[in-house]
C-alpha cells in the first residue's frame, strides 16, 4: 500500500541543475498546455535529451489527473488510531513474508548493512509496508501524476523538480515512460522512491548496468538503505523499544519533542516491556504514548527520526518502526487498555477549540498529527490533567 512520504518528499536534494532552483520551478496553474510547454522548455534547458522529453510529454497527456488530486486532498487513512493502523499493517502475513525475505536475501542485507549501517529489518519494514515486498507497486501514471501535482498550486515547488527528475530517469535509460507506474504522488518502485531520490541514491547493486527499482531486488534494497543513511541512520544503534511505564510517571515528559538520556527514564521507573531493567546509558530517547498512558509505550531513539523523515505521520512512522522491531525478533506489544479516542468529527471539534485558544494545530482535519498532539499535551498541562497527549471526551468537554 503506497503512502506519500510527506516529510522525505520535501528534502532539498541538490542535483546540480540550476534551473530547478529558479522561480520557474514553482510556476503553476493556468492553462495546462501552457504549463506543459514551460516544463518542456525547462527540461530541455536542463540538458535532458529531446527524445526523453518528447516521450515523457506524450505519456503525460493533455489534462490533469482528477484521481490524483482527489487522493492528494484526502489522506483519511491517518485518522485511524495507532492500534487500528498498526494491527492492520503489521499483520501476521506481512511479518511472515518479511522474515522469509530477510532469510532469502540474507547475504544482500549483510553486505548492505556493512556498507551503510542500516540493518535488514529496518529496510524490510518499508519494503513490506509500502508495496508488500514488490507485489503492489501502484498503477498511477507517474509522469502524469507529477505533472498534475506540479500544475496544482498547493506544492509546485515540491513536485515540479520531481517531474523534471522523472524525465532524467527516462533519459538515463533506467525506465521507459510507459514503465513509470506507481503511487499517486509520483513515488516509484518497491519502496516507493521519488524521482530525485531515484537519481541521487539509485544503486546498481548487482552490476547489471542499470538501476531498476521496479523488479531488481538488490537494487531496491541498496537504494533504500542509502536513502535511509542519508536521513541520518546511526549504525549499531536501536531505533525503537517497547517499554512499561509506572502509573506515577510525570506524564508531561512523555513527548516526542522531549529527548532525555535513557538513564533518566530508567531512574523514573520505566522498564523494558518484560519488566527487566533498561540500559542506563546516555543514548537520547523520547517516550511515545501513541494512545495515551493506558495504551502501549515506546522509547524512540535517534534512529527513529529516520522513520519520521520517511513519513512525518506518527501513526505511519511508529508502525514502521514497530514492524522493524518485530522483523528483528521482538515479541508483539501489549496494546493495554487505552481510553476511548475521539471520532473524526469530535477531533475536528477539539482542533477548532484548541485553535481558538491560540494553539497551532495545523489543518482542522480530524487527524491527530504532531501539532494537534502537542496542543493536546499543553492543554492537558494547563488543565491539570495527565499530559499524555491523547485526546479524550473528557478533554473535549473541559473548559
Protein backbone atom coordinates (compact mmCIF):
# COMPACT_ATOMS: atom_id res chain seq x y z
CA UNK A 1 0.00 0.00 0.00
CA UNK A 2 1.93 3.07 -1.18
CA UNK A 3 1.95 6.11 1.12
CA UNK A 4 3.03 9.60 0.21
CA UNK A 5 6.18 10.30 2.22
CA UNK A 6 5.34 13.87 3.13
CA UNK A 7 8.49 14.66 5.09
CA UNK A 8 11.01 12.86 2.91
CA UNK A 9 9.41 14.37 -0.17
CA UNK A 10 10.39 17.86 0.98
CA UNK A 11 14.12 17.16 1.11
CA UNK A 12 16.14 19.67 -0.85
CA UNK A 13 18.19 17.24 -2.88
CA UNK A 14 20.73 19.13 -4.98
CA UNK A 15 21.34 17.63 -8.39
CA UNK A 16 23.50 20.47 -9.72
CA UNK A 17 20.73 21.57 -12.08
CA UNK A 18 20.49 25.37 -11.74
CA UNK A 19 17.07 25.61 -13.36
CA UNK A 20 15.49 23.56 -10.56
CA UNK A 21 16.26 26.32 -8.10
CA UNK A 22 14.78 29.03 -10.32
CA UNK A 23 11.43 30.72 -9.97
CA UNK A 24 10.28 28.71 -12.98
CA UNK A 25 10.25 25.54 -10.87
CA UNK A 26 7.43 26.99 -8.78
CA UNK A 27 5.26 28.07 -11.73
CA UNK A 28 1.81 26.52 -11.57
CA UNK A 29 -1.83 26.85 -12.54
CA UNK A 30 -3.35 28.32 -15.67
CA UNK A 31 -3.81 26.52 -18.95
CA UNK A 32 -2.42 23.00 -18.67
CA UNK A 33 -0.99 23.07 -22.19
CA UNK A 34 0.90 26.28 -21.49
CA UNK A 35 2.13 24.82 -18.25
CA UNK A 36 3.46 21.74 -20.04
CA UNK A 37 5.18 23.92 -22.63
CA UNK A 38 7.09 25.57 -19.77
CA UNK A 39 8.00 22.17 -18.30
CA UNK A 40 9.25 21.00 -21.68
CA UNK A 41 11.44 24.07 -22.08
CA UNK A 42 12.84 23.68 -18.57
CA UNK A 43 13.67 20.03 -19.17
CA UNK A 44 15.47 20.80 -22.43
CA UNK A 45 17.35 23.68 -20.80
CA UNK A 46 18.44 21.29 -18.06
CA UNK A 47 20.17 19.12 -20.66
CA UNK A 48 17.64 16.31 -20.91
CA UNK A 49 17.58 14.86 -24.42
CA UNK A 50 14.85 15.84 -26.85
CA UNK A 51 13.88 12.19 -27.24
CA UNK A 52 13.41 11.64 -23.48
CA UNK A 53 11.43 14.87 -23.16
CA UNK A 54 9.22 14.04 -26.15
CA UNK A 55 8.44 10.53 -24.91
CA UNK A 56 7.74 11.83 -21.41
CA UNK A 57 5.42 14.57 -22.65
CA UNK A 58 3.43 12.06 -24.68
CA UNK A 59 2.97 9.99 -21.54
CA UNK A 60 1.75 12.97 -19.52
CA UNK A 61 -1.23 13.61 -21.76
CA UNK A 62 -3.32 16.74 -22.16
CA UNK A 63 -5.12 17.16 -18.84
CA UNK A 64 -4.51 16.85 -15.09
CA UNK A 65 -5.44 13.56 -13.44
CA UNK A 66 -8.54 14.14 -11.29
CA UNK A 67 -7.92 10.92 -9.34
CA UNK A 68 -4.50 12.19 -8.25
CA UNK A 69 -5.98 15.45 -6.99
CA UNK A 70 -8.66 13.55 -5.12
CA UNK A 71 -6.07 11.38 -3.37
CA UNK A 72 -3.97 14.41 -2.51
CA UNK A 73 -6.85 16.02 -0.70
CA UNK A 74 -7.96 13.01 1.31
CA UNK A 75 -5.42 11.01 3.32
CA UNK A 76 -8.04 9.76 5.76
CA UNK A 77 -6.10 6.58 6.48
CA UNK A 78 -4.18 8.54 9.11
CA UNK A 79 -7.37 9.31 11.05
CA UNK A 80 -7.14 5.75 12.39
CA UNK A 81 -5.65 5.21 15.83
CA UNK A 82 -2.18 3.73 16.00
CA UNK A 83 -3.65 0.49 17.31
CA UNK A 84 -6.03 0.19 14.36
CA UNK A 85 -3.44 1.11 11.75
CA UNK A 86 -0.55 -0.94 13.13
CA UNK A 87 -2.70 -4.05 13.64
CA UNK A 88 -3.85 -3.88 10.04
CA UNK A 89 -0.47 -3.07 8.52
CA UNK A 90 1.99 -5.04 10.68
CA UNK A 91 -0.07 -8.19 10.36
CA UNK A 92 0.98 -11.83 10.66
CA UNK A 93 1.08 -12.42 6.91
CA UNK A 94 3.33 -9.43 6.26
CA UNK A 95 5.56 -10.41 9.18
CA UNK A 96 5.94 -13.96 7.90
CA UNK A 97 6.76 -12.77 4.37
CA UNK A 98 9.24 -10.24 5.74
CA UNK A 99 11.13 -12.82 7.75
CA UNK A 100 11.23 -15.10 4.73
CA UNK A 101 12.67 -12.29 2.59
CA UNK A 102 15.26 -11.46 5.24
CA UNK A 103 16.42 -15.06 5.06
CA UNK A 104 16.21 -15.27 1.26
CA UNK A 105 18.32 -12.15 0.75
CA UNK A 106 20.45 -12.54 3.88
CA UNK A 107 23.78 -12.08 2.09
CA UNK A 108 22.49 -8.97 0.31
CA UNK A 109 21.22 -7.46 3.55
CA UNK A 110 24.51 -8.27 5.30
CA UNK A 111 26.52 -6.55 2.58
CA UNK A 112 24.25 -3.51 2.62
CA UNK A 113 24.47 -3.17 6.41
CA UNK A 114 28.27 -3.38 6.23
CA UNK A 115 28.27 -0.56 3.66
CA UNK A 116 25.58 1.73 5.10
CA UNK A 117 24.98 0.71 8.70
CA UNK A 118 21.26 0.17 8.02
CA UNK A 119 20.09 -3.29 9.20
CA UNK A 120 17.89 -5.59 7.16
CA UNK A 121 14.75 -5.39 9.35
CA UNK A 122 14.67 -1.59 9.03
CA UNK A 123 14.78 -1.81 5.24
CA UNK A 124 12.40 -4.75 5.02
CA UNK A 125 9.75 -2.95 7.09
CA UNK A 126 9.43 -0.17 4.50
CA UNK A 127 9.61 -2.74 1.70
CA UNK A 128 6.67 -4.60 3.22
CA UNK A 129 4.53 -1.65 4.26
CA UNK A 130 4.95 0.31 1.05
CA UNK A 131 4.34 -2.40 -1.56
CA UNK A 132 4.07 -5.82 0.12
CA UNK A 133 7.63 -6.63 -0.94
CA UNK A 134 7.08 -5.53 -4.52
CA UNK A 135 3.66 -7.11 -5.07
CA UNK A 136 1.67 -3.84 -5.16
CA UNK A 137 3.62 -1.08 -6.90
CA UNK A 138 0.67 1.16 -7.72
CA UNK A 139 -0.88 1.83 -11.12
CA UNK A 140 -0.84 5.61 -11.36
CA UNK A 141 0.89 7.10 -14.39
CA UNK A 142 3.94 8.62 -12.66
CA UNK A 143 4.66 11.36 -15.18
CA UNK A 144 1.02 12.39 -15.34
CA UNK A 145 0.71 12.34 -11.54
CA UNK A 146 3.76 14.54 -11.08
CA UNK A 147 2.61 16.94 -13.80
CA UNK A 148 -0.81 17.14 -12.17
CA UNK A 149 0.63 17.93 -8.74
CA UNK A 150 3.18 20.37 -10.16
CA UNK A 151 0.40 22.20 -12.05
CA UNK A 152 -1.77 22.30 -8.93
CA UNK A 153 -0.71 25.31 -6.87
CA UNK A 154 -0.61 23.64 -3.46
CA UNK A 155 3.04 22.45 -3.64
CA UNK A 156 4.50 23.14 -7.08
CA UNK A 157 7.97 23.77 -5.61
CA UNK A 158 7.95 20.14 -4.42
CA UNK A 159 6.56 18.31 -7.41
CA UNK A 160 7.94 20.19 -10.41
CA UNK A 161 11.57 19.24 -9.61
CA UNK A 162 10.46 15.61 -9.27
CA UNK A 163 8.74 15.86 -12.67
CA UNK A 164 11.98 17.06 -14.26
CA UNK A 165 13.88 14.34 -12.39
CA UNK A 166 11.46 11.71 -13.72
CA UNK A 167 12.41 12.78 -17.24
CA UNK A 168 16.04 12.36 -16.24
CA UNK A 169 15.25 8.80 -15.14
CA UNK A 170 13.93 8.22 -18.67
CA UNK A 171 16.96 9.89 -20.21
CA UNK A 172 19.31 7.71 -18.15
CA UNK A 173 17.65 4.64 -19.62
CA UNK A 174 16.56 3.29 -16.23
CA UNK A 175 12.86 3.20 -17.11
CA UNK A 176 10.78 3.89 -20.19
CA UNK A 177 7.89 6.36 -19.70
CA UNK A 178 5.31 3.60 -20.02
CA UNK A 179 7.06 1.62 -17.25
CA UNK A 180 6.74 4.51 -14.83
CA UNK A 181 3.73 3.49 -12.77
CA UNK A 182 3.48 3.85 -9.04
CA UNK A 183 1.77 5.75 -6.24
CA UNK A 184 -0.49 8.75 -6.72
CA UNK A 185 2.20 11.21 -5.56
CA UNK A 186 4.86 10.07 -8.01
CA UNK A 187 6.78 7.51 -5.97
CA UNK A 188 8.27 4.60 -7.88
CA UNK A 189 9.47 1.11 -7.16
CA UNK A 190 9.27 -1.43 -4.40
CA UNK A 191 9.92 1.04 -1.58
CA UNK A 192 8.26 3.99 -3.31
CA UNK A 193 11.21 6.22 -4.12
CA UNK A 194 10.58 9.69 -5.55
CA UNK A 195 12.40 10.55 -8.82
CA UNK A 196 15.03 12.87 -7.29
CA UNK A 197 15.81 10.13 -4.75
CA UNK A 198 15.94 7.59 -7.58
CA UNK A 199 18.66 9.65 -9.25
CA UNK A 200 20.59 10.59 -6.12
CA UNK A 201 20.57 7.25 -4.32
CA UNK A 202 19.81 4.73 -7.06
CA UNK A 203 22.32 1.89 -6.85
CA UNK A 204 23.16 -0.80 -9.37
CA UNK A 205 23.76 -3.35 -6.62
CA UNK A 206 24.15 -6.34 -8.92
CA UNK A 207 26.28 -4.52 -11.50
CA UNK A 208 23.99 -5.29 -14.44
CA UNK A 209 24.35 -1.81 -15.90
CA UNK A 210 21.10 -0.21 -14.78
CA UNK A 211 19.18 0.87 -11.70
CA UNK A 212 15.84 -0.93 -11.68
CA UNK A 213 13.73 -0.21 -8.62
CA UNK A 214 10.68 -1.97 -10.04
CA UNK A 215 11.93 -5.54 -10.32
CA UNK A 216 15.61 -5.78 -9.29
CA UNK A 217 15.55 -6.61 -5.57
CA UNK A 218 19.26 -5.96 -4.81
CA UNK A 219 18.95 -2.52 -6.42
CA UNK A 220 15.81 -1.82 -4.37
CA UNK A 221 17.36 -2.80 -1.05
CA UNK A 222 20.67 -1.00 -1.59
CA UNK A 223 18.98 2.18 -2.82
CA UNK A 224 16.61 2.21 0.15
CA UNK A 225 19.48 1.76 2.58
CA UNK A 226 21.48 4.62 1.04
CA UNK A 227 18.44 6.86 1.26
CA UNK A 228 17.92 5.94 4.92
CA UNK A 229 21.61 6.51 5.59
CA UNK A 230 21.29 9.99 4.08
CA UNK A 231 18.46 10.73 6.52
CA UNK A 232 20.83 10.19 9.42
CA UNK A 233 20.80 6.48 10.30
CA UNK A 234 23.32 5.72 13.05
CA UNK A 235 24.96 2.31 12.64
CA UNK A 236 24.71 -0.14 15.51
CA UNK A 237 22.06 1.78 17.46
CA UNK A 238 18.43 0.83 18.20
CA UNK A 239 15.50 2.76 16.80
CA UNK A 240 12.52 1.82 18.95
CA UNK A 241 11.82 -0.27 22.04
CA UNK A 242 8.55 -1.24 23.72
CA UNK A 243 8.54 -0.35 27.42
CA UNK A 244 6.43 -0.33 30.59
CA UNK A 245 5.73 2.96 32.33
CA UNK A 246 4.79 3.28 36.05
CA UNK A 247 1.49 4.93 36.96
CA UNK A 248 3.25 7.72 38.83
CA UNK A 249 5.35 8.76 35.82
CA UNK A 250 5.48 12.55 35.21
CA UNK A 251 3.41 12.37 32.03
CA UNK A 252 4.41 15.82 30.78
CA UNK A 253 7.81 14.27 29.98
CA UNK A 254 6.20 11.77 27.58
CA UNK A 255 6.57 13.67 24.32
CA UNK A 256 8.42 13.16 21.06
CA UNK A 257 9.96 16.61 21.43
CA UNK A 258 11.35 15.74 24.87
CA UNK A 259 14.63 13.89 24.44
CA UNK A 260 16.42 12.69 27.57
CA UNK A 261 19.18 10.14 28.28
CA UNK A 262 17.83 6.62 28.53
CA UNK A 263 19.20 6.54 32.08
CA UNK A 264 16.71 9.27 33.07
CA UNK A 265 13.78 7.14 32.02
CA UNK A 266 15.24 4.19 33.89
CA UNK A 267 15.52 6.36 37.01
CA UNK A 268 11.82 7.28 36.64
CA UNK A 269 10.83 3.61 36.73
CA UNK A 270 10.48 2.87 33.04
CA UNK A 271 11.44 -0.73 32.25
CA UNK A 272 11.61 -2.96 29.22
CA UNK A 273 8.29 -4.46 28.16
CA UNK A 274 9.09 -7.71 30.01
CA UNK A 275 9.81 -5.83 33.23
CA UNK A 276 13.59 -6.10 33.07
CA UNK A 277 15.78 -3.05 33.60
CA UNK A 278 16.58 -0.54 30.88
CA UNK A 279 20.16 0.21 29.98
CA UNK A 280 21.38 3.20 31.98
CA UNK A 281 23.33 4.99 29.29
CA UNK A 282 23.24 8.45 27.74
CA UNK A 283 21.55 7.43 24.48
CA UNK A 284 18.91 10.13 23.80
CA UNK A 285 15.34 8.85 23.94
CA UNK A 286 11.77 10.07 23.82
CA UNK A 287 8.82 8.34 25.43
CA UNK A 288 5.95 7.89 22.95
CA UNK A 289 2.42 7.03 24.08
CA UNK A 290 0.52 6.71 20.78
CA UNK A 291 -2.82 6.10 22.54
CA UNK A 292 -2.19 7.74 25.87
CA UNK A 293 -0.99 6.45 29.20
CA UNK A 294 -3.34 3.45 29.15
CA UNK A 295 -2.03 2.12 25.85
CA UNK A 296 1.30 0.87 24.51
CA UNK A 297 4.51 2.75 25.23
CA UNK A 298 7.80 3.06 23.34
CA UNK A 299 11.18 4.64 23.79
CA UNK A 300 12.25 6.20 20.50
CA UNK A 301 15.96 6.74 19.84
CA UNK A 302 17.78 8.97 17.30
CA UNK A 303 17.34 6.39 14.51
CA UNK A 304 13.57 6.75 14.88
CA UNK A 305 13.96 10.24 13.40
CA UNK A 306 14.68 8.49 10.09
CA UNK A 307 11.22 6.94 10.20
CA UNK A 308 9.72 10.39 10.79
CA UNK A 309 11.70 11.76 7.85
CA UNK A 310 10.33 8.96 5.69
CA UNK A 311 6.78 9.90 6.68
CA UNK A 312 6.06 12.53 9.32
CA UNK A 313 2.77 10.89 10.33
CA UNK A 314 3.40 9.36 13.75
CA UNK A 315 0.79 6.70 13.01
CA UNK A 316 2.75 5.52 9.98
CA UNK A 317 6.30 6.07 11.26
CA UNK A 318 5.63 4.35 14.58
CA UNK A 319 4.03 1.43 12.74
CA UNK A 320 7.09 1.14 10.50
CA UNK A 321 9.45 1.33 13.47
CA UNK A 322 7.44 -1.25 15.43
CA UNK A 323 7.23 -3.54 12.40
CA UNK A 324 11.02 -3.29 12.07
CA UNK A 325 11.43 -4.46 15.66
CA UNK A 326 9.10 -7.40 15.02
CA UNK A 327 11.11 -8.38 11.95
CA UNK A 328 14.22 -8.17 14.14
CA UNK A 329 12.68 -10.65 16.59
CA UNK A 330 10.83 -8.55 19.18
CA UNK A 331 7.56 -10.00 20.55
CA UNK A 332 4.18 -8.38 19.85
CA UNK A 333 3.37 -5.40 22.01
CA UNK A 334 0.68 -5.34 24.68
CA UNK A 335 -1.91 -2.83 23.50
CA UNK A 336 -3.01 -2.17 27.09
CA UNK A 337 -6.35 -0.55 27.88
CA UNK A 338 -6.33 2.92 26.35
CA UNK A 339 -9.15 5.36 26.97
CA UNK A 340 -11.53 5.63 24.01
CA UNK A 341 -10.38 8.17 21.47
CA UNK A 342 -12.43 10.69 19.54
CA UNK A 343 -14.31 10.30 16.28
CA UNK A 344 -13.19 12.32 13.27
CA UNK A 345 -15.92 14.90 13.89
CA UNK A 346 -15.04 15.10 17.59
CA UNK A 347 -11.38 15.55 16.69
CA UNK A 348 -12.30 18.40 14.36
CA UNK A 349 -14.30 19.99 17.17
CA UNK A 350 -11.33 19.65 19.53
CA UNK A 351 -8.93 21.05 16.94
CA UNK A 352 -11.20 24.05 16.44
CA UNK A 353 -11.42 24.56 20.19
CA UNK A 354 -7.65 24.34 20.59
CA UNK A 355 -7.07 26.70 17.67
CA UNK A 356 -9.48 29.17 19.28
CA UNK A 357 -7.27 29.11 22.36
CA UNK A 358 -4.21 30.03 20.35
CA UNK A 359 -2.66 26.62 19.77
CA UNK A 360 -1.12 25.78 16.41
CA UNK A 361 -2.95 22.63 15.32
CA UNK A 362 -2.47 22.88 11.57
CA UNK A 363 -5.40 21.97 9.36
CA UNK A 364 -8.68 21.13 11.11
CA UNK A 365 -8.97 17.69 9.53
CA UNK A 366 -9.82 15.27 12.33
CA UNK A 367 -6.32 13.75 12.23
CA UNK A 368 -4.14 13.58 15.35
CA UNK A 369 -0.98 14.99 13.80
CA UNK A 370 2.10 16.23 15.59
CA UNK A 371 0.85 19.79 16.09
CA UNK A 372 -2.51 18.65 17.44
CA UNK A 373 -0.89 16.11 19.76
CA UNK A 374 1.42 18.77 21.19
CA UNK A 375 -1.51 21.19 21.60
CA UNK A 376 -3.45 18.47 23.45
CA UNK A 377 -0.49 17.89 25.75
CA UNK A 378 -0.12 21.58 26.56
CA UNK A 379 -3.84 21.97 27.18
CA UNK A 380 -3.78 18.95 29.49
CA UNK A 381 -0.97 20.60 31.45
CA UNK A 382 -2.97 23.84 31.67
CA UNK A 383 -5.99 21.96 32.97
CA UNK A 384 -4.02 19.87 35.45
CA UNK A 385 -4.79 16.63 33.61
CA UNK A 386 -2.22 13.85 32.98
CA UNK A 387 -0.37 15.25 29.97
CA UNK A 388 -0.13 12.13 27.79
CA UNK A 389 -1.11 13.84 24.52
CA UNK A 390 -4.15 11.59 23.98
CA UNK A 391 -7.40 13.43 23.16
CA UNK A 392 -10.46 12.15 25.03
CA UNK A 393 -14.07 13.10 25.55
CA UNK A 394 -13.07 14.46 28.97
CA UNK A 395 -10.64 16.89 27.34
CA UNK A 396 -13.17 17.89 24.68
CA UNK A 397 -15.74 18.77 27.32
CA UNK A 398 -13.28 20.55 29.65
CA UNK A 399 -13.44 24.34 29.96
